[in-house]
């Protein structure tokens, strides 16, 4: 997947989480990311990969996101991999907790 497309999916996923206080609060709680850190790193490949990891951990949330943003669910893992490659982390086991 092209990196521009991966970043676009990551940003859309972050906006999806941020559009609902419960979603973003859960993301922050589970990842340990502070709100200020999220603001500073919101467009970094590392943070966007963490967002996609979060969605991949919750299939129902992932499907809601994909439906709302008209993104095929099968595009999420390749986008996460492309973001991982951008930050030098490879493989399915790369840790993106911030």
PDB file of N, CA and C in Angstrom:
ATOM      1  N   UNK A   1       0.852  -1.182   0.000  1.00  0.00           N
ATOM      2  CA  UNK A   1       0.000   0.000   0.000  1.00  0.00           C
ATOM      3  C   UNK A   1       0.895   1.242   0.000  1.00  0.00           C
ATOM      4  N   UNK A   2       0.509   2.232  -0.779  1.00  0.00           N
ATOM      5  CA  UNK A   2       1.253   3.489  -0.856  1.00  0.00           C
ATOM      6  C   UNK A   2       1.166   4.213   0.490  1.00  0.00           C
ATOM      7  N   UNK A   3       2.244   4.856   0.893  1.00  0.00           N
ATOM      8  CA  UNK A   3       2.285   5.506   2.212  1.00  0.00           C
ATOM      9  C   UNK A   3       1.265   6.630   2.354  1.00  0.00           C
ATOM     10  N   UNK A   4       0.988   7.344   1.271  1.00  0.00           N
ATOM     11  CA  UNK A   4      -0.024   8.409   1.356  1.00  0.00           C
ATOM     12  C   UNK A   4      -1.395   7.835   1.706  1.00  0.00           C
ATOM     13  N   UNK A   5      -1.731   6.710   1.105  1.00  0.00           N
ATOM     14  CA  UNK A   5      -3.016   6.064   1.399  1.00  0.00           C
ATOM     15  C   UNK A   5      -3.033   5.555   2.837  1.00  0.00           C
ATOM     16  N   UNK A   6      -1.930   4.978   3.297  1.00  0.00           N
ATOM     17  CA  UNK A   6      -1.849   4.486   4.673  1.00  0.00           C
ATOM     18  C   UNK A   6      -2.015   5.632   5.673  1.00  0.00           C
ATOM     19  N   UNK A   7      -1.353   6.752   5.411  1.00  0.00           N
ATOM     20  CA  UNK A   7      -1.496   7.913   6.291  1.00  0.00           C
ATOM     21  C   UNK A   7      -2.922   8.441   6.275  1.00  0.00           C
ATOM     22  N   UNK A   8      -3.545   8.470   5.111  1.00  0.00           N
ATOM     23  CA  UNK A   8      -4.921   8.941   5.000  1.00  0.00           C
ATOM     24  C   UNK A   8      -5.868   8.060   5.819  1.00  0.00           C
ATOM     25  N   UNK A   9      -5.685   6.752   5.742  1.00  0.00           N
ATOM     26  CA  UNK A   9      -6.511   5.840   6.521  1.00  0.00           C
ATOM     27  C   UNK A   9      -6.265   6.055   8.010  1.00  0.00           C
ATOM     28  N   UNK A  10      -5.002   6.223   8.395  1.00  0.00           N
ATOM     29  CA  UNK A  10      -4.676   6.459   9.801  1.00  0.00           C
ATOM     30  C   UNK A  10      -5.292   7.735  10.342  1.00  0.00           C
ATOM     31  N   UNK A  11      -5.216   8.806   9.572  1.00  0.00           N
ATOM     32  CA  UNK A  11      -5.807  10.080   9.993  1.00  0.00           C
ATOM     33  C   UNK A  11      -7.325   9.947  10.093  1.00  0.00           C
ATOM     34  N   UNK A  12      -7.930   9.281   9.118  1.00  0.00           N
ATOM     35  CA  UNK A  12      -9.381   9.067   9.172  1.00  0.00           C
ATOM     36  C   UNK A  12      -9.766   8.264  10.408  1.00  0.00           C
ATOM     37  N   UNK A  13      -8.964   7.273  10.744  1.00  0.00           N
ATOM     38  CA  UNK A  13      -9.242   6.461  11.930  1.00  0.00           C
ATOM     39  C   UNK A  13      -9.122   7.289  13.206  1.00  0.00           C
ATOM     40  N   UNK A  14      -8.118   8.152  13.269  1.00  0.00           N
ATOM     41  CA  UNK A  14      -7.968   9.017  14.433  1.00  0.00           C
ATOM     42  C   UNK A  14      -9.146   9.981  14.547  1.00  0.00           C
ATOM     43  N   UNK A  15      -9.560  10.557  13.456  1.00  0.00           N
ATOM     44  CA  UNK A  15     -10.721  11.451  13.471  1.00  0.00           C
ATOM     45  C   UNK A  15     -11.987  10.704  13.890  1.00  0.00           C
ATOM     46  N   UNK A  16     -12.118   9.474  13.445  1.00  0.00           N
ATOM     47  CA  UNK A  16     -13.243   8.631  13.849  1.00  0.00           C
ATOM     48  C   UNK A  16     -13.246   8.436  15.364  1.00  0.00           C
ATOM     49  N   UNK A  17     -12.097   8.104  15.936  1.00  0.00           N
ATOM     50  CA  UNK A  17     -12.024   7.932  17.394  1.00  0.00           C
ATOM     51  C   UNK A  17     -12.320   9.244  18.106  1.00  0.00           C
ATOM     52  N   UNK A  18     -11.741  10.331  17.601  1.00  0.00           N
ATOM     53  CA  UNK A  18     -11.892  11.633  18.254  1.00  0.00           C
ATOM     54  C   UNK A  18     -13.315  12.171  18.164  1.00  0.00           C
ATOM     55  N   UNK A  19     -14.105  11.653  17.235  1.00  0.00           N
ATOM     56  CA  UNK A  19     -15.470  12.157  17.068  1.00  0.00           C
ATOM     57  C   UNK A  19     -16.421  11.673  18.172  1.00  0.00           C
ATOM     58  N   UNK A  20     -15.976  10.755  18.979  1.00  0.00           N
ATOM     59  CA  UNK A  20     -16.799  10.208  20.053  1.00  0.00           C
ATOM     60  C   UNK A  20     -15.963  10.170  21.334  1.00  0.00           C
ATOM     61  N   UNK A  21     -16.355  10.932  22.358  1.00  0.00           N
ATOM     62  CA  UNK A  21     -15.552  10.982  23.590  1.00  0.00           C
ATOM     63  C   UNK A  21     -15.262   9.607  24.191  1.00  0.00           C
ATOM     64  N   UNK A  22     -16.218   8.700  24.127  1.00  0.00           N
ATOM     65  CA  UNK A  22     -15.976   7.363  24.694  1.00  0.00           C
ATOM     66  C   UNK A  22     -14.923   6.609  23.910  1.00  0.00           C
ATOM     67  N   UNK A  23     -14.944   6.752  22.605  1.00  0.00           N
ATOM     68  CA  UNK A  23     -13.948   6.059  21.773  1.00  0.00           C
ATOM     69  C   UNK A  23     -12.545   6.574  22.045  1.00  0.00           C
ATOM     70  N   UNK A  24     -12.389   7.894  22.056  1.00  0.00           N
ATOM     71  CA  UNK A  24     -11.048   8.452  22.239  1.00  0.00           C
ATOM     72  C   UNK A  24     -10.553   8.222  23.659  1.00  0.00           C
ATOM     73  N   UNK A  25     -11.444   8.296  24.637  1.00  0.00           N
ATOM     74  CA  UNK A  25     -11.043   8.028  26.016  1.00  0.00           C
ATOM     75  C   UNK A  25     -10.584   6.588  26.180  1.00  0.00           C
ATOM     76  N   UNK A  26     -11.258   5.671  25.527  1.00  0.00           N
ATOM     77  CA  UNK A  26     -10.853   4.259  25.601  1.00  0.00           C
ATOM     78  C   UNK A  26      -9.489   4.068  24.944  1.00  0.00           C
ATOM     79  N   UNK A  27      -9.281   4.690  23.799  1.00  0.00           N
ATOM     80  CA  UNK A  27      -7.979   4.612  23.136  1.00  0.00           C
ATOM     81  C   UNK A  27      -6.880   5.138  24.050  1.00  0.00           C
ATOM     82  N   UNK A  28      -7.110   6.301  24.642  1.00  0.00           N
ATOM     83  CA  UNK A  28      -6.099   6.893  25.522  1.00  0.00           C
ATOM     84  C   UNK A  28      -5.828   5.996  26.730  1.00  0.00           C
ATOM     85  N   UNK A  29      -6.885   5.451  27.316  1.00  0.00           N
ATOM     86  CA  UNK A  29      -6.732   4.599  28.492  1.00  0.00           C
ATOM     87  C   UNK A  29      -5.972   3.313  28.164  1.00  0.00           C
ATOM     88  N   UNK A  30      -6.304   2.700  27.057  1.00  0.00           N
ATOM     89  CA  UNK A  30      -5.673   1.421  26.715  1.00  0.00           C
ATOM     90  C   UNK A  30      -4.235   1.571  26.237  1.00  0.00           C
ATOM     91  N   UNK A  31      -3.920   2.688  25.616  1.00  0.00           N
ATOM     92  CA  UNK A  31      -2.564   2.880  25.089  1.00  0.00           C
ATOM     93  C   UNK A  31      -1.649   3.630  26.046  1.00  0.00           C
ATOM     94  N   UNK A  32      -2.238   4.342  27.000  1.00  0.00           N
ATOM     95  CA  UNK A  32      -1.421   5.150  27.902  1.00  0.00           C
ATOM     96  C   UNK A  32      -0.980   6.468  27.291  1.00  0.00           C
ATOM     97  N   UNK A  33      -1.510   6.799  26.143  1.00  0.00           N
ATOM     98  CA  UNK A  33      -1.179   8.065  25.483  1.00  0.00           C
ATOM     99  C   UNK A  33      -1.896   9.195  26.219  1.00  0.00           C
ATOM    100  N   UNK A  34      -1.188  10.259  26.461  1.00  0.00           N
ATOM    101  CA  UNK A  34      -1.768  11.454  27.071  1.00  0.00           C
ATOM    102  C   UNK A  34      -2.370  12.337  25.975  1.00  0.00           C
ATOM    103  N   UNK A  35      -3.429  13.083  26.289  1.00  0.00           N
ATOM    104  CA  UNK A  35      -4.041  13.949  25.268  1.00  0.00           C
ATOM    105  C   UNK A  35      -3.043  14.897  24.594  1.00  0.00           C
ATOM    106  N   UNK A  36      -2.150  15.483  25.362  1.00  0.00           N
ATOM    107  CA  UNK A  36      -1.160  16.388  24.780  1.00  0.00           C
ATOM    108  C   UNK A  36      -0.218  15.675  23.825  1.00  0.00           C
ATOM    109  N   UNK A  37       0.162  14.465  24.186  1.00  0.00           N
ATOM    110  CA  UNK A  37       1.018  13.659  23.316  1.00  0.00           C
ATOM    111  C   UNK A  37       0.285  13.326  22.018  1.00  0.00           C
ATOM    112  N   UNK A  38      -0.994  13.001  22.144  1.00  0.00           N
ATOM    113  CA  UNK A  38      -1.784  12.698  20.948  1.00  0.00           C
ATOM    114  C   UNK A  38      -1.847  13.906  20.023  1.00  0.00           C
ATOM    115  N   UNK A  39      -2.050  15.085  20.594  1.00  0.00           N
ATOM    116  CA  UNK A  39      -2.088  16.300  19.762  1.00  0.00           C
ATOM    117  C   UNK A  39      -0.753  16.522  19.058  1.00  0.00           C
ATOM    118  N   UNK A  40       0.349  16.356  19.781  1.00  0.00           N
ATOM    119  CA  UNK A  40       1.673  16.596  19.200  1.00  0.00           C
ATOM    120  C   UNK A  40       2.039  15.583  18.119  1.00  0.00           C
ATOM    121  N   UNK A  41       1.619  14.351  18.311  1.00  0.00           N
ATOM    122  CA  UNK A  41       2.042  13.273  17.414  1.00  0.00           C
ATOM    123  C   UNK A  41       0.912  12.775  16.515  1.00  0.00           C
ATOM    124  N   UNK A  42      -0.149  13.542  16.399  1.00  0.00           N
ATOM    125  CA  UNK A  42      -1.351  13.057  15.714  1.00  0.00           C
ATOM    126  C   UNK A  42      -1.122  12.663  14.257  1.00  0.00           C
ATOM    127  N   UNK A  43      -0.110  13.204  13.619  1.00  0.00           N
ATOM    128  CA  UNK A  43       0.133  12.861  12.216  1.00  0.00           C
ATOM    129  C   UNK A  43       1.378  12.005  12.032  1.00  0.00           C
ATOM    130  N   UNK A  44       1.976  11.578  13.125  1.00  0.00           N
ATOM    131  CA  UNK A  44       3.179  10.753  12.999  1.00  0.00           C
ATOM    132  C   UNK A  44       2.789   9.324  12.620  1.00  0.00           C
ATOM    133  N   UNK A  45       3.588   8.680  11.790  1.00  0.00           N
ATOM    134  CA  UNK A  45       3.284   7.295  11.422  1.00  0.00           C
ATOM    135  C   UNK A  45       3.171   6.379  12.643  1.00  0.00           C
ATOM    136  N   UNK A  46       3.980   6.622  13.655  1.00  0.00           N
ATOM    137  CA  UNK A  46       3.930   5.793  14.861  1.00  0.00           C
ATOM    138  C   UNK A  46       2.568   5.904  15.543  1.00  0.00           C
ATOM    139  N   UNK A  47       2.060   7.111  15.698  1.00  0.00           N
ATOM    140  CA  UNK A  47       0.763   7.304  16.354  1.00  0.00           C
ATOM    141  C   UNK A  47      -0.366   6.762  15.490  1.00  0.00           C
ATOM    142  N   UNK A  48      -0.294   6.999  14.197  1.00  0.00           N
ATOM    143  CA  UNK A  48      -1.341   6.495  13.303  1.00  0.00           C
ATOM    144  C   UNK A  48      -1.359   4.966  13.293  1.00  0.00           C
ATOM    145  N   UNK A  49      -0.186   4.353  13.374  1.00  0.00           N
ATOM    146  CA  UNK A  49      -0.127   2.894  13.473  1.00  0.00           C
ATOM    147  C   UNK A  49      -0.758   2.422  14.778  1.00  0.00           C
ATOM    148  N   UNK A  50      -0.530   3.150  15.868  1.00  0.00           N
ATOM    149  CA  UNK A  50      -1.150   2.798  17.155  1.00  0.00           C
ATOM    150  C   UNK A  50      -2.676   2.875  17.056  1.00  0.00           C
ATOM    151  N   UNK A  51      -3.168   3.871  16.349  1.00  0.00           N
ATOM    152  CA  UNK A  51      -4.616   4.015  16.156  1.00  0.00           C
ATOM    153  C   UNK A  51      -5.158   2.820  15.374  1.00  0.00           C
ATOM    154  N   UNK A  52      -4.474   2.445  14.306  1.00  0.00           N
ATOM    155  CA  UNK A  52      -4.937   1.304  13.523  1.00  0.00           C
ATOM    156  C   UNK A  52      -4.826   0.008  14.313  1.00  0.00           C
ATOM    157  N   UNK A  53      -3.774  -0.131  15.112  1.00  0.00           N
ATOM    158  CA  UNK A  53      -3.667  -1.295  15.998  1.00  0.00           C
ATOM    159  C   UNK A  53      -4.867  -1.367  16.930  1.00  0.00           C
ATOM    160  N   UNK A  54      -5.244  -0.231  17.466  1.00  0.00           N
ATOM    161  CA  UNK A  54      -6.397  -0.174  18.371  1.00  0.00           C
ATOM    162  C   UNK A  54      -7.661  -0.665  17.665  1.00  0.00           C
ATOM    163  N   UNK A  55      -7.881  -0.214  16.447  1.00  0.00           N
ATOM    164  CA  UNK A  55      -9.059  -0.652  15.706  1.00  0.00           C
ATOM    165  C   UNK A  55      -8.993  -2.140  15.381  1.00  0.00           C
ATOM    166  N   UNK A  56      -7.806  -2.623  15.060  1.00  0.00           N
ATOM    167  CA  UNK A  56      -7.658  -4.039  14.726  1.00  0.00           C
ATOM    168  C   UNK A  56      -7.908  -4.949  15.929  1.00  0.00           C
ATOM    169  N   UNK A  57      -7.810  -4.386  17.130  1.00  0.00           N
ATOM    170  CA  UNK A  57      -8.065  -5.154  18.350  1.00  0.00           C
ATOM    171  C   UNK A  57      -9.555  -5.282  18.645  1.00  0.00           C
ATOM    172  N   UNK A  58     -10.384  -4.477  17.997  1.00  0.00           N
ATOM    173  CA  UNK A  58     -11.817  -4.447  18.284  1.00  0.00           C
ATOM    174  C   UNK A  58     -12.581  -4.521  16.962  1.00  0.00           C
ATOM    175  N   UNK A  59     -12.964  -5.729  16.582  1.00  0.00           N
ATOM    176  CA  UNK A  59     -13.564  -5.936  15.271  1.00  0.00           C
ATOM    177  C   UNK A  59     -14.839  -5.115  15.053  1.00  0.00           C
ATOM    178  N   UNK A  60     -15.676  -5.025  16.084  1.00  0.00           N
ATOM    179  CA  UNK A  60     -16.913  -4.268  15.895  1.00  0.00           C
ATOM    180  C   UNK A  60     -16.616  -2.789  15.667  1.00  0.00           C
ATOM    181  N   UNK A  61     -15.670  -2.228  16.403  1.00  0.00           N
ATOM    182  CA  UNK A  61     -15.280  -0.832  16.199  1.00  0.00           C
ATOM    183  C   UNK A  61     -14.657  -0.647  14.820  1.00  0.00           C
ATOM    184  N   UNK A  62     -13.831  -1.592  14.424  1.00  0.00           N
ATOM    185  CA  UNK A  62     -13.206  -1.554  13.107  1.00  0.00           C
ATOM    186  C   UNK A  62     -14.261  -1.523  12.004  1.00  0.00           C
ATOM    187  N   UNK A  63     -15.264  -2.369  12.133  1.00  0.00           N
ATOM    188  CA  UNK A  63     -16.300  -2.430  11.100  1.00  0.00           C
ATOM    189  C   UNK A  63     -17.150  -1.165  11.061  1.00  0.00           C
ATOM    190  N   UNK A  64     -17.405  -0.570  12.218  1.00  0.00           N
ATOM    191  CA  UNK A  64     -18.136   0.703  12.241  1.00  0.00           C
ATOM    192  C   UNK A  64     -17.315   1.772  11.520  1.00  0.00           C
ATOM    193  N   UNK A  65     -16.030   1.848  11.839  1.00  0.00           N
ATOM    194  CA  UNK A  65     -15.148   2.819  11.177  1.00  0.00           C
ATOM    195  C   UNK A  65     -15.145   2.610   9.665  1.00  0.00           C
ATOM    196  N   UNK A  66     -14.946   1.370   9.250  1.00  0.00           N
ATOM    197  CA  UNK A  66     -14.868   1.086   7.819  1.00  0.00           C
ATOM    198  C   UNK A  66     -16.173   1.421   7.101  1.00  0.00           C
ATOM    199  N   UNK A  67     -17.278   1.134   7.742  1.00  0.00           N
ATOM    200  CA  UNK A  67     -18.579   1.448   7.143  1.00  0.00           C
ATOM    201  C   UNK A  67     -18.771   2.957   7.034  1.00  0.00           C
ATOM    202  N   UNK A  68     -18.495   3.668   8.128  1.00  0.00           N
ATOM    203  CA  UNK A  68     -18.695   5.128   8.123  1.00  0.00           C
ATOM    204  C   UNK A  68     -17.786   5.838   7.137  1.00  0.00           C
ATOM    205  N   UNK A  69     -16.560   5.328   6.964  1.00  0.00           N
ATOM    206  CA  UNK A  69     -15.601   6.009   6.091  1.00  0.00           C
ATOM    207  C   UNK A  69     -15.466   5.355   4.712  1.00  0.00           C
ATOM    208  N   UNK A  70     -16.300   4.360   4.450  1.00  0.00           N
ATOM    209  CA  UNK A  70     -16.269   3.646   3.161  1.00  0.00           C
ATOM    210  C   UNK A  70     -14.869   3.135   2.823  1.00  0.00           C
ATOM    211  N   UNK A  71     -14.248   2.514   3.807  1.00  0.00           N
ATOM    212  CA  UNK A  71     -12.927   1.925   3.632  1.00  0.00           C
ATOM    213  C   UNK A  71     -13.078   0.413   3.755  1.00  0.00           C
ATOM    214  N   UNK A  72     -12.593  -0.327   2.791  1.00  0.00           N
ATOM    215  CA  UNK A  72     -12.684  -1.782   2.906  1.00  0.00           C
ATOM    216  C   UNK A  72     -11.894  -2.267   4.139  1.00  0.00           C
ATOM    217  N   UNK A  73     -12.494  -3.111   4.962  1.00  0.00           N
ATOM    218  CA  UNK A  73     -11.795  -3.592   6.163  1.00  0.00           C
ATOM    219  C   UNK A  73     -10.447  -4.246   5.853  1.00  0.00           C
ATOM    220  N   UNK A  74     -10.356  -4.857   4.691  1.00  0.00           N
ATOM    221  CA  UNK A  74      -9.098  -5.526   4.344  1.00  0.00           C
ATOM    222  C   UNK A  74      -7.971  -4.539   4.038  1.00  0.00           C
ATOM    223  N   UNK A  75      -8.251  -3.240   3.976  1.00  0.00           N
ATOM    224  CA  UNK A  75      -7.209  -2.222   3.766  1.00  0.00           C
ATOM    225  C   UNK A  75      -6.520  -1.804   5.064  1.00  0.00           C
ATOM    226  N   UNK A  76      -7.084  -2.158   6.211  1.00  0.00           N
ATOM    227  CA  UNK A  76      -6.545  -1.661   7.476  1.00  0.00           C
ATOM    228  C   UNK A  76      -5.191  -2.297   7.811  1.00  0.00           C
ATOM    229  N   UNK A  77      -5.078  -3.598   7.709  1.00  0.00           N
ATOM    230  CA  UNK A  77      -3.796  -4.252   8.017  1.00  0.00           C
ATOM    231  C   UNK A  77      -2.668  -3.801   7.085  1.00  0.00           C
ATOM    232  N   UNK A  78      -2.896  -3.722   5.768  1.00  0.00           N
ATOM    233  CA  UNK A  78      -1.830  -3.207   4.903  1.00  0.00           C
ATOM    234  C   UNK A  78      -1.452  -1.757   5.236  1.00  0.00           C
ATOM    235  N   UNK A  79      -2.433  -0.947   5.627  1.00  0.00           N
ATOM    236  CA  UNK A  79      -2.124   0.434   6.016  1.00  0.00           C
ATOM    237  C   UNK A  79      -1.257   0.448   7.265  1.00  0.00           C
ATOM    238  N   UNK A  80      -1.594  -0.393   8.233  1.00  0.00           N
ATOM    239  CA  UNK A  80      -0.803  -0.497   9.460  1.00  0.00           C
ATOM    240  C   UNK A  80       0.626  -0.940   9.135  1.00  0.00           C
ATOM    241  N   UNK A  81       0.758  -1.926   8.233  1.00  0.00           N
ATOM    242  CA  UNK A  81       2.087  -2.407   7.846  1.00  0.00           C
ATOM    243  C   UNK A  81       2.890  -1.299   7.176  1.00  0.00           C
ATOM    244  N   UNK A  82       2.248  -0.533   6.282  1.00  0.00           N
ATOM    245  CA  UNK A  82       2.946   0.559   5.602  1.00  0.00           C
ATOM    246  C   UNK A  82       3.424   1.606   6.604  1.00  0.00           C
ATOM    247  N   UNK A  83       2.601   1.920   7.584  1.00  0.00           N
ATOM    248  CA  UNK A  83       3.003   2.873   8.618  1.00  0.00           C
ATOM    249  C   UNK A  83       4.146   2.308   9.453  1.00  0.00           C
ATOM    250  N   UNK A  84       4.096   1.006   9.734  1.00  0.00           N
ATOM    251  CA  UNK A  84       5.172   0.355  10.491  1.00  0.00           C
ATOM    252  C   UNK A  84       6.494   0.466   9.739  1.00  0.00           C
ATOM    253  N   UNK A  85       6.440   0.249   8.440  1.00  0.00           N
ATOM    254  CA  UNK A  85       7.650   0.359   7.630  1.00  0.00           C
ATOM    255  C   UNK A  85       8.207   1.777   7.647  1.00  0.00           C
ATOM    256  N   UNK A  86       7.326   2.769   7.710  1.00  0.00           N
ATOM    257  CA  UNK A  86       7.774   4.166   7.734  1.00  0.00           C
ATOM    258  C   UNK A  86       8.566   4.484   8.992  1.00  0.00           C
ATOM    259  N   UNK A  87       8.260   3.808  10.097  1.00  0.00           N
ATOM    260  CA  UNK A  87       8.974   4.077  11.358  1.00  0.00           C
ATOM    261  C   UNK A  87      10.007   3.004  11.658  1.00  0.00           C
ATOM    262  N   UNK A  88      10.242   2.127  10.678  1.00  0.00           N
ATOM    263  CA  UNK A  88      11.279   1.121  10.832  1.00  0.00           C
ATOM    264  C   UNK A  88      10.884  -0.078  11.669  1.00  0.00           C
ATOM    265  N   UNK A  89       9.592  -0.256  11.907  1.00  0.00           N
ATOM    266  CA  UNK A  89       9.117  -1.428  12.645  1.00  0.00           C
ATOM    267  C   UNK A  89       8.465  -2.345  11.635  1.00  0.00           C
ATOM    268  N   UNK A  90       8.800  -3.577  11.697  1.00  0.00           N
ATOM    269  CA  UNK A  90       8.291  -4.518  10.706  1.00  0.00           C
ATOM    270  C   UNK A  90       7.517  -5.635  11.379  1.00  0.00           C
ATOM    271  N   UNK A  91       6.618  -6.237  10.636  1.00  0.00           N
ATOM    272  CA  UNK A  91       5.932  -7.431  11.084  1.00  0.00           C
ATOM    273  C   UNK A  91       4.666  -7.155  11.854  1.00  0.00           C
ATOM    274  N   UNK A  92       3.895  -8.215  12.032  1.00  0.00           N
ATOM    275  CA  UNK A  92       2.609  -8.134  12.724  1.00  0.00           C
ATOM    276  C   UNK A  92       2.782  -7.881  14.211  1.00  0.00           C
ATOM    277  N   UNK A  93       3.948  -8.196  14.775  1.00  0.00           N
ATOM    278  CA  UNK A  93       4.147  -8.080  16.216  1.00  0.00           C
ATOM    279  C   UNK A  93       4.765  -6.766  16.638  1.00  0.00           C
ATOM    280  N   UNK A  94       4.942  -5.834  15.711  1.00  0.00           N
ATOM    281  CA  UNK A  94       5.515  -4.533  16.067  1.00  0.00           C
ATOM    282  C   UNK A  94       4.649  -3.868  17.121  1.00  0.00           C
ATOM    283  N   UNK A  95       5.291  -3.298  18.129  1.00  0.00           N
ATOM    284  CA  UNK A  95       4.576  -2.671  19.244  1.00  0.00           C
ATOM    285  C   UNK A  95       4.400  -1.195  18.958  1.00  0.00           C
ATOM    286  N   UNK A  96       3.134  -0.781  18.861  1.00  0.00           N
ATOM    287  CA  UNK A  96       2.845   0.622  18.591  1.00  0.00           C
ATOM    288  C   UNK A  96       2.192   1.310  19.766  1.00  0.00           C
ATOM    289  N   UNK A  97       2.223   0.695  20.932  1.00  0.00           N
ATOM    290  CA  UNK A  97       1.672   1.412  22.078  1.00  0.00           C
ATOM    291  C   UNK A  97       2.581   2.603  22.316  1.00  0.00           C
ATOM    292  N   UNK A  98       1.977   3.735  22.493  1.00  0.00           N
ATOM    293  CA  UNK A  98       2.753   4.977  22.568  1.00  0.00           C
ATOM    294  C   UNK A  98       3.298   5.217  23.945  1.00  0.00           C
TER     295      UNK A  98
END
